[in-house]
N, C-alpha and C. Protein backbone atom coordinates (compact mmCIF):
# COMPACT_ATOMS: atom_id res chain seq x y z
N MET A 1 0.63 -1.22 -0.10
CA MET A 1 0.15 0.08 0.20
C MET A 1 0.85 1.71 -0.04
N GLN A 2 0.97 2.11 -1.11
CA GLN A 2 1.26 3.92 -1.07
C GLN A 2 0.21 4.76 -0.47
N THR A 3 1.05 6.01 0.10
CA THR A 3 -0.21 6.65 -0.02
C THR A 3 -0.60 7.76 -1.33
N GLN A 4 -0.82 8.92 -1.50
CA GLN A 4 -1.04 9.56 -2.08
C GLN A 4 0.85 10.37 -2.76
N THR A 5 1.07 10.07 -1.71
CA THR A 5 2.49 10.92 -2.25
C THR A 5 3.27 10.17 -2.99
N GLY A 6 2.96 8.50 -2.88
CA GLY A 6 4.16 6.87 -3.18
C GLY A 6 5.11 6.39 -2.03
N GLN A 7 4.50 7.37 -1.08
CA GLN A 7 5.26 6.51 0.57
C GLN A 7 4.68 5.45 0.49
N ARG A 8 5.12 4.60 1.58
CA ARG A 8 4.50 3.36 2.09
C ARG A 8 3.95 3.69 3.23
N PRO A 9 2.49 3.86 4.26
CA PRO A 9 2.17 4.44 5.45
C PRO A 9 3.65 4.09 6.35
N ILE A 10 3.20 4.83 7.73
CA ILE A 10 4.21 3.95 8.71
C ILE A 10 2.84 2.99 9.17
N ARG A 11 4.12 2.00 9.74
CA ARG A 11 2.78 1.30 10.32
C ARG A 11 3.43 0.51 12.18
N SER A 12 5.19 0.56 12.02
CA SER A 12 5.43 0.16 12.88
C SER A 12 6.62 1.31 12.97
N ILE A 13 6.79 1.47 14.27
CA ILE A 13 8.06 2.51 15.19
C ILE A 13 8.96 1.91 15.53
N LEU A 14 10.38 1.76 15.70
CA LEU A 14 11.15 1.58 16.48
C LEU A 14 11.92 2.60 17.07
N PHE A 15 12.29 2.36 18.33
CA PHE A 15 12.97 3.63 19.03
C PHE A 15 14.17 2.42 19.20
N VAL A 16 15.58 3.51 18.80
CA VAL A 16 16.82 3.00 19.28
C VAL A 16 17.35 3.76 20.13
N PRO A 17 18.35 3.47 20.84
CA PRO A 17 19.08 4.48 21.30
C PRO A 17 20.18 4.64 20.16
N ALA A 18 20.29 6.21 19.97
CA ALA A 18 21.65 6.75 19.26
C ALA A 18 23.04 6.81 19.42
N ASP A 19 23.22 5.97 20.85
CA ASP A 19 24.28 6.01 20.62
C ASP A 19 25.00 4.23 20.95
N SER A 20 24.45 3.78 20.22
CA SER A 20 24.68 2.12 21.03
C SER A 20 24.88 1.41 19.39
N GLU A 21 25.98 1.17 18.87
CA GLU A 21 26.38 0.35 17.66
C GLU A 21 25.27 -0.47 17.77
N LYS A 22 25.44 -1.46 18.40
CA LYS A 22 24.92 -3.05 18.40
C LYS A 22 23.09 -2.38 18.24
N LYS A 23 22.71 -2.15 19.04
CA LYS A 23 20.90 -1.94 19.02
C LYS A 23 21.03 -0.94 17.47
N ILE A 24 21.91 0.02 17.00
CA ILE A 24 21.44 0.78 15.80
C ILE A 24 21.82 -0.03 14.20
N ALA A 25 22.51 -1.32 14.67
CA ALA A 25 23.32 -2.37 14.20
C ALA A 25 21.13 -3.19 13.42
N LYS A 26 21.71 -3.39 14.64
CA LYS A 26 20.20 -4.67 14.67
C LYS A 26 18.37 -4.01 14.35
N GLY A 27 18.65 -2.22 15.12
CA GLY A 27 17.72 -1.80 14.12
C GLY A 27 17.39 -1.26 12.74
N LEU A 28 18.81 -1.82 12.14
CA LEU A 28 18.90 -1.52 10.78
C LEU A 28 18.50 -2.59 9.46
N GLY A 29 18.44 -3.77 10.96
CA GLY A 29 17.68 -4.79 10.20
C GLY A 29 16.45 -5.10 10.40
N THR A 30 16.30 -4.60 11.23
CA THR A 30 14.61 -5.09 10.78
C THR A 30 13.76 -4.95 9.49
N ARG A 31 12.58 -4.95 9.34
CA ARG A 31 11.58 -4.17 8.65
C ARG A 31 10.21 -3.11 9.07
N ALA A 32 11.21 -2.48 10.38
CA ALA A 32 9.99 -1.28 10.48
C ALA A 32 9.76 -0.55 9.48
N ASP A 33 8.70 0.06 9.44
CA ASP A 33 8.68 1.31 8.60
C ASP A 33 9.09 2.83 8.74
N ALA A 34 9.79 2.56 10.35
CA ALA A 34 10.35 3.70 10.27
C ALA A 34 11.26 3.56 11.61
N ILE A 35 12.47 4.03 11.82
CA ILE A 35 13.17 4.39 12.85
C ILE A 35 13.34 5.33 13.47
N VAL A 36 13.16 5.60 14.82
CA VAL A 36 13.52 6.57 15.61
C VAL A 36 14.64 6.61 16.39
N PHE A 37 15.95 7.15 16.44
CA PHE A 37 16.93 7.17 16.92
C PHE A 37 16.60 8.03 17.71
N ASP A 38 17.19 7.91 18.78
CA ASP A 38 16.64 8.48 20.22
C ASP A 38 18.00 9.24 20.87
N LEU A 39 18.08 10.31 20.61
CA LEU A 39 19.02 11.25 21.23
C LEU A 39 18.66 12.03 22.73
N GLU A 40 17.46 12.23 23.04
CA GLU A 40 16.91 12.34 24.57
C GLU A 40 17.09 11.63 25.36
N ASP A 41 15.92 11.00 26.53
CA ASP A 41 16.40 9.69 27.01
C ASP A 41 16.84 8.52 27.19
N SER A 42 17.47 8.10 25.99
CA SER A 42 17.85 6.72 26.06
C SER A 42 19.65 6.89 26.34
N VAL A 43 20.06 8.12 26.38
CA VAL A 43 21.39 9.22 26.16
C VAL A 43 22.00 9.28 27.15
N MET A 44 22.28 8.71 27.58
CA MET A 44 23.20 9.97 29.32
C MET A 44 24.08 10.90 28.81
N PRO A 45 23.99 12.25 29.15
CA PRO A 45 24.76 13.46 29.46
C PRO A 45 26.15 13.49 28.26
N ALA A 46 26.76 12.09 28.97
CA ALA A 46 28.27 12.07 29.27
C ALA A 46 28.53 11.55 27.78
N ARG A 47 27.45 11.18 27.14
CA ARG A 47 27.25 10.32 25.77
C ARG A 47 26.44 11.04 24.00
N LYS A 48 25.67 12.35 25.09
CA LYS A 48 25.52 12.73 23.42
C LYS A 48 26.00 13.35 22.56
N SER A 49 27.48 13.70 22.65
CA SER A 49 28.20 14.41 21.94
C SER A 49 28.78 13.50 21.40
N GLU A 50 28.73 11.72 21.45
CA GLU A 50 29.25 11.46 20.63
C GLU A 50 28.11 10.55 19.94
N ALA A 51 26.82 10.47 20.08
CA ALA A 51 25.72 9.63 19.73
C ALA A 51 25.17 10.66 18.81
N ARG A 52 25.40 12.08 18.49
CA ARG A 52 25.50 12.96 17.47
C ARG A 52 26.35 12.91 16.53
N ARG A 53 27.60 12.36 16.55
CA ARG A 53 28.14 12.42 15.83
C ARG A 53 28.16 10.62 14.73
N MET A 54 27.78 9.86 15.92
CA MET A 54 26.87 8.62 15.25
C MET A 54 26.08 8.90 14.28
N MET A 55 25.12 10.03 14.61
CA MET A 55 23.76 9.94 13.54
C MET A 55 24.33 11.21 12.63
N ALA A 56 25.00 11.68 13.18
CA ALA A 56 25.59 12.46 11.24
C ALA A 56 26.04 11.65 10.28
N GLN A 57 26.66 10.21 11.21
CA GLN A 57 27.52 10.02 10.31
C GLN A 57 26.49 9.13 9.90
N ILE A 58 25.88 8.29 9.69
CA ILE A 58 24.55 7.55 9.44
C ILE A 58 23.89 8.08 8.71
N LEU A 59 23.21 9.13 9.21
CA LEU A 59 22.67 9.91 8.01
C LEU A 59 23.03 10.43 6.58
N ALA A 60 24.24 10.70 7.25
CA ALA A 60 24.69 10.82 5.72
C ALA A 60 25.31 10.21 4.57
N GLN A 61 24.78 8.74 5.23
CA GLN A 61 25.51 7.63 3.92
C GLN A 61 24.05 7.47 4.44
N ARG A 62 23.17 7.10 3.43
CA ARG A 62 21.84 6.07 3.84
C ARG A 62 22.38 4.64 3.71
N PRO A 63 21.60 4.23 5.02
CA PRO A 63 21.98 3.17 5.44
C PRO A 63 21.74 1.74 4.20
N GLU A 64 22.57 0.98 3.42
CA GLU A 64 22.32 0.00 2.61
C GLU A 64 21.51 -1.04 3.28
N GLY A 65 20.57 -1.11 2.38
CA GLY A 65 19.56 -2.55 2.82
C GLY A 65 18.47 -1.98 3.64
N TYR A 66 18.10 -1.35 4.37
CA TYR A 66 16.81 -0.52 5.12
C TYR A 66 16.38 0.22 4.42
N ALA A 67 15.15 -0.06 3.73
CA ALA A 67 14.07 0.46 2.93
C ALA A 67 13.62 2.21 3.76
N GLY A 68 13.18 1.80 5.48
CA GLY A 68 11.89 2.52 6.19
C GLY A 68 12.69 3.63 6.07
N GLN A 69 12.02 4.80 7.14
CA GLN A 69 11.98 6.33 6.79
C GLN A 69 13.04 6.42 8.50
N LEU A 70 14.13 7.19 8.57
CA LEU A 70 15.20 7.74 9.39
C LEU A 70 14.39 8.53 10.11
N TRP A 71 13.78 8.82 11.63
CA TRP A 71 13.57 9.64 12.41
C TRP A 71 15.17 9.98 13.86
N VAL A 72 15.03 11.55 14.24
CA VAL A 72 15.75 11.37 15.48
C VAL A 72 14.64 12.14 16.59
N ARG A 73 14.49 11.98 17.28
CA ARG A 73 14.20 12.39 18.64
C ARG A 73 15.01 12.82 19.22
N ILE A 74 14.81 14.58 19.08
CA ILE A 74 15.90 15.40 19.86
C ILE A 74 15.52 15.58 21.11
N ASN A 75 16.54 16.29 21.95
CA ASN A 75 16.59 16.64 23.01
C ASN A 75 15.15 17.76 23.41
N PRO A 76 14.83 17.87 24.26
CA PRO A 76 14.15 19.06 24.32
C PRO A 76 14.93 20.40 24.40
N LEU A 77 13.99 21.06 23.81
CA LEU A 77 14.25 22.78 23.73
C LEU A 77 15.33 23.31 25.48
N SER A 78 14.36 23.31 26.16
CA SER A 78 14.32 23.76 27.62
C SER A 78 15.76 23.22 28.23
N THR A 79 16.66 21.97 27.41
CA THR A 79 18.07 21.45 28.00
C THR A 79 19.21 22.12 27.36
N GLY A 80 19.02 23.07 25.58
CA GLY A 80 19.96 23.51 25.45
C GLY A 80 20.89 22.89 24.52
N MET A 81 20.35 21.99 24.63
CA MET A 81 21.39 20.58 23.21
C MET A 81 20.21 20.65 22.42
N ALA A 82 18.94 20.95 22.02
CA ALA A 82 18.54 20.55 20.78
C ALA A 82 19.10 21.23 19.52
N ILE A 83 18.94 22.63 19.77
CA ILE A 83 19.62 22.84 18.26
C ILE A 83 21.27 22.22 17.96
N GLU A 84 22.07 21.65 19.05
CA GLU A 84 23.08 20.92 18.57
C GLU A 84 23.54 20.02 17.34
N ASP A 85 21.74 19.42 18.53
CA ASP A 85 20.98 17.71 17.87
C ASP A 85 20.39 17.95 16.64
N LEU A 86 20.12 19.03 16.21
CA LEU A 86 19.43 19.31 14.71
C LEU A 86 21.00 19.70 13.74
N CYS A 87 21.62 20.29 14.49
CA CYS A 87 22.53 20.69 13.24
C CYS A 87 23.77 19.12 12.98
N ALA A 88 23.35 18.83 13.85
CA ALA A 88 24.08 17.24 13.86
C ALA A 88 23.46 16.14 12.53
N VAL A 89 21.91 16.22 12.77
CA VAL A 89 21.09 15.02 12.13
C VAL A 89 20.46 15.79 10.62
N LEU A 90 20.61 17.03 10.26
CA LEU A 90 19.68 17.54 8.99
C LEU A 90 20.58 17.32 8.11
N THR A 91 20.80 16.23 7.40
CA THR A 91 20.73 15.69 6.16
C THR A 91 19.73 15.07 5.00
N PRO A 92 19.20 15.31 4.44
CA PRO A 92 18.84 15.00 3.05
C PRO A 92 17.93 13.52 3.02
N ASN A 93 19.00 12.34 3.72
CA ASN A 93 18.20 11.44 4.15
C ASN A 93 17.65 11.59 5.62
N LEU A 94 17.15 12.37 6.62
CA LEU A 94 16.96 12.44 7.50
C LEU A 94 15.27 12.85 7.09
N HIS A 95 14.06 12.17 7.42
CA HIS A 95 12.60 11.97 7.40
C HIS A 95 11.88 12.52 8.07
N GLY A 96 12.34 12.94 9.56
CA GLY A 96 11.62 13.97 10.46
C GLY A 96 12.18 14.16 11.59
N ILE A 97 11.47 15.23 12.54
CA ILE A 97 12.36 15.25 14.08
C ILE A 97 11.47 14.69 15.13
N ILE A 98 11.27 14.34 16.22
CA ILE A 98 10.38 14.53 17.28
C ILE A 98 10.86 15.25 18.08
N LEU A 99 10.32 16.29 18.32
CA LEU A 99 10.65 16.89 19.62
C LEU A 99 9.94 16.76 20.79
N PRO A 100 10.55 16.03 21.76
CA PRO A 100 9.80 16.13 23.05
C PRO A 100 9.58 17.26 23.47
N LYS A 101 8.40 17.04 25.10
CA LYS A 101 8.48 18.05 25.65
C LYS A 101 8.36 19.53 25.29
N CYS A 102 7.37 19.28 24.36
CA CYS A 102 6.69 21.01 23.93
C CYS A 102 6.05 21.75 24.48
N THR A 103 6.34 22.75 24.66
CA THR A 103 5.77 23.55 25.47
C THR A 103 4.46 24.44 24.48
N GLY A 104 4.43 24.45 23.62
CA GLY A 104 3.75 25.13 22.45
C GLY A 104 4.23 25.19 21.17
N PRO A 105 3.18 26.73 20.67
CA PRO A 105 3.75 26.09 18.66
C PRO A 105 4.81 27.13 18.90
N GLN A 106 5.81 27.91 19.99
CA GLN A 106 6.42 28.73 19.78
C GLN A 106 7.56 27.77 19.86
N ASP A 107 7.53 26.88 20.59
CA ASP A 107 8.57 25.32 20.22
C ASP A 107 8.95 24.74 19.11
N VAL A 108 7.65 25.13 18.34
CA VAL A 108 7.99 24.07 17.48
C VAL A 108 8.09 25.31 16.16
N THR A 109 8.15 26.79 15.66
CA THR A 109 8.52 26.94 14.88
C THR A 109 10.07 27.46 15.49
N THR A 110 10.30 28.15 16.36
CA THR A 110 11.56 28.11 16.67
C THR A 110 12.75 26.45 16.15
N VAL A 111 12.29 25.03 16.44
CA VAL A 111 13.00 23.94 15.47
C VAL A 111 12.71 24.36 13.87
N LEU A 112 11.20 24.53 13.68
CA LEU A 112 11.08 24.57 12.24
C LEU A 112 12.59 26.13 11.47
N SER A 113 12.97 27.37 12.58
CA SER A 113 13.43 28.03 11.85
C SER A 113 15.00 27.71 12.04
N GLN A 114 15.36 26.54 12.68
CA GLN A 114 16.70 25.93 13.02
C GLN A 114 16.63 24.94 11.15
N MET A 115 15.30 24.45 11.34
CA MET A 115 15.95 23.82 10.02
C MET A 115 15.92 24.16 8.78
N THR A 116 15.27 25.33 8.95
CA THR A 116 15.51 25.81 7.19
C THR A 116 16.57 27.35 7.17
N GLN A 117 17.40 26.87 8.21
CA GLN A 117 18.38 27.70 7.98
C GLN A 117 19.75 27.35 6.70
């Protein structure tokens, strides 16, 4: 089944910690319709930089053999880490961003303005 835009609908979503090579590889080996690489809760503060580096590398080169969508859950804007997350992951291979703990429309506007710069 495809949507009017020609893309398959998302029926299954797999969340994967963005700092675990083993879990990332395992996730990319699944047939989930979308993988969400989590930079927020599943990554310890000391590993955030490494997780961003890993995501930048994975998203820069579309993972071979995985046909689903690639999403990233960034840190909340209130943490001061969201913009750094966005700078690391915005590539043509990224399908979308999940913004946790959104406090209102202004948060969405802030993220969108960063994504279009």
